[in-house]
Amino acid sequence: SKKMMLTLLADWGGFLQTELYMEALLHLLGGELLVLKNVKIVRDGKLLGVQSIAQHAPHVGFRLTAFTDSLPFHEKHLHRFTKPTSLKGLQWINLNHNEISFITIR
């Protein structure tokens, strides 16, 4: 999804709403039915809930945000979120004005 996102940014620029980029990524990856997967959140053997996560590969999700501050806090939160799931990794794309980051969380 990094290559697709870079192509979108080259074509559209980096200042649109994140929902537009997400919609384009979902379309390019085959549509919501193929990309959005329900992931169980389990702690100590107990099901806490189910969360819909965009996945571009089996057990590898991606998250698109536009945070402008407290990036270490948000990264820590994403680490905590992925721990009780079956995800092997989460690729976080953050659009912060002119600074665009791609971070893989395992």
Protein backbone atom coordinates (compact mmCIF):
# COMPACT_ATOMS: atom_id res chain seq x y z
CA SER A 1 0.00 0.00 0.00
CA LYS A 2 3.02 2.32 0.40
CA LYS A 3 3.60 2.36 -3.35
CA MET A 4 -0.10 3.06 -4.00
CA MET A 5 -0.13 5.83 -1.41
CA LEU A 6 2.97 7.44 -2.90
CA THR A 7 1.33 7.33 -6.34
CA LEU A 8 -1.82 8.98 -4.95
CA LEU A 9 0.25 11.67 -3.24
CA ALA A 10 2.19 12.34 -6.44
CA ASP A 11 -1.06 12.65 -8.40
CA TRP A 12 -3.25 14.45 -5.86
CA GLY A 13 -0.83 16.12 -3.45
CA GLY A 14 -0.85 15.72 0.32
CA PHE A 15 -3.51 18.12 1.55
CA LEU A 16 -6.81 16.37 0.92
CA GLN A 17 -8.98 14.74 3.57
CA THR A 18 -7.69 11.37 4.70
CA GLU A 19 -11.08 9.84 3.83
CA LEU A 20 -10.42 10.51 0.13
CA TYR A 21 -7.05 8.74 0.22
CA MET A 22 -8.58 5.85 2.18
CA GLU A 23 -11.42 5.50 -0.30
CA ALA A 24 -8.92 5.41 -3.16
CA LEU A 25 -6.74 2.80 -1.40
CA LEU A 26 -9.76 0.62 -0.70
CA HIS A 27 -10.75 0.83 -4.36
CA LEU A 28 -7.24 0.09 -5.65
CA LEU A 29 -6.91 -2.90 -3.33
CA GLY A 30 -10.14 -4.49 -4.55
CA GLY A 31 -12.92 -2.79 -2.61
CA GLU A 32 -14.21 -2.76 0.94
CA LEU A 33 -15.46 -6.36 0.84
CA LEU A 34 -11.94 -7.64 0.15
CA VAL A 35 -9.96 -5.15 2.22
CA LEU A 36 -11.96 -4.51 5.40
CA LYS A 37 -11.67 -7.53 7.69
CA ASN A 38 -13.12 -8.10 11.14
CA VAL A 39 -10.34 -8.75 13.64
CA LYS A 40 -11.03 -10.23 17.07
CA ILE A 41 -9.59 -8.48 20.08
CA VAL A 42 -8.78 -11.15 22.68
CA ARG A 43 -7.09 -10.74 26.06
CA ASP A 44 -6.47 -13.60 28.49
CA GLY A 45 -8.59 -15.88 26.30
CA LYS A 46 -11.62 -13.59 26.52
CA LEU A 47 -13.13 -11.92 23.48
CA LEU A 48 -13.22 -8.18 24.16
CA GLY A 49 -14.66 -7.21 20.79
CA VAL A 50 -14.30 -7.15 17.05
CA GLN A 51 -12.81 -4.28 15.04
CA SER A 52 -12.96 -3.74 11.28
CA ILE A 53 -9.41 -3.21 10.00
CA ALA A 54 -8.22 -2.44 6.47
CA GLN A 55 -5.80 -5.19 5.42
CA HIS A 56 -3.68 -5.20 2.27
CA ALA A 57 -2.26 -8.68 3.01
CA PRO A 58 -3.34 -11.52 5.32
CA HIS A 59 -2.91 -10.40 8.95
CA VAL A 60 -1.28 -7.11 7.89
CA GLY A 61 -3.44 -4.07 8.39
CA PHE A 62 -2.98 -0.43 7.53
CA ARG A 63 -4.11 2.75 9.19
CA LEU A 64 -4.22 6.20 7.59
CA THR A 65 -4.21 9.28 9.83
CA ALA A 66 -3.46 12.99 9.72
CA PHE A 67 -2.06 13.61 13.19
CA THR A 68 -0.02 16.79 13.55
CA ASP A 69 1.30 16.29 17.06
CA SER A 70 2.00 13.66 19.72
CA LEU A 71 3.10 11.11 17.13
CA PRO A 72 4.96 8.96 19.70
CA PHE A 73 1.75 8.78 21.76
CA HIS A 74 -0.27 7.67 18.74
CA GLU A 75 2.36 5.11 17.76
CA LYS A 76 2.32 3.66 21.28
CA HIS A 77 -1.48 3.48 21.14
CA LEU A 78 -1.34 1.55 17.84
CA HIS A 79 1.17 -0.87 19.40
CA ARG A 80 -1.22 -1.46 22.31
CA PHE A 81 -4.13 -1.91 19.91
CA THR A 82 -2.44 -4.58 17.79
CA LYS A 83 -1.17 -6.73 20.70
CA PRO A 84 -4.47 -8.49 21.51
CA THR A 85 -5.27 -9.13 17.81
CA SER A 86 -4.17 -11.71 15.27
CA LEU A 87 -2.45 -9.00 13.20
CA LYS A 88 1.20 -9.69 12.43
CA GLY A 89 1.73 -6.04 11.66
CA LEU A 90 0.09 -2.69 11.04
CA GLN A 91 1.39 -0.20 8.51
CA TRP A 92 0.66 3.30 9.71
CA ILE A 93 0.60 6.13 7.18
CA ASN A 94 0.44 9.58 8.73
CA LEU A 95 -0.08 12.75 6.66
CA ASN A 96 1.28 15.67 8.68
CA HIS A 97 1.20 18.60 6.26
CA ASN A 98 4.50 18.32 4.32
CA GLU A 99 5.79 15.43 6.44
CA ILE A 100 4.45 12.02 5.48
CA SER A 101 5.52 9.02 7.52
CA PHE A 102 5.24 5.29 6.89
CA ILE A 103 5.74 3.28 10.07
CA THR A 104 5.39 -0.48 10.43
CA ILE A 105 4.15 -1.61 13.81
CA ARG A 106 4.72 -5.25 14.82
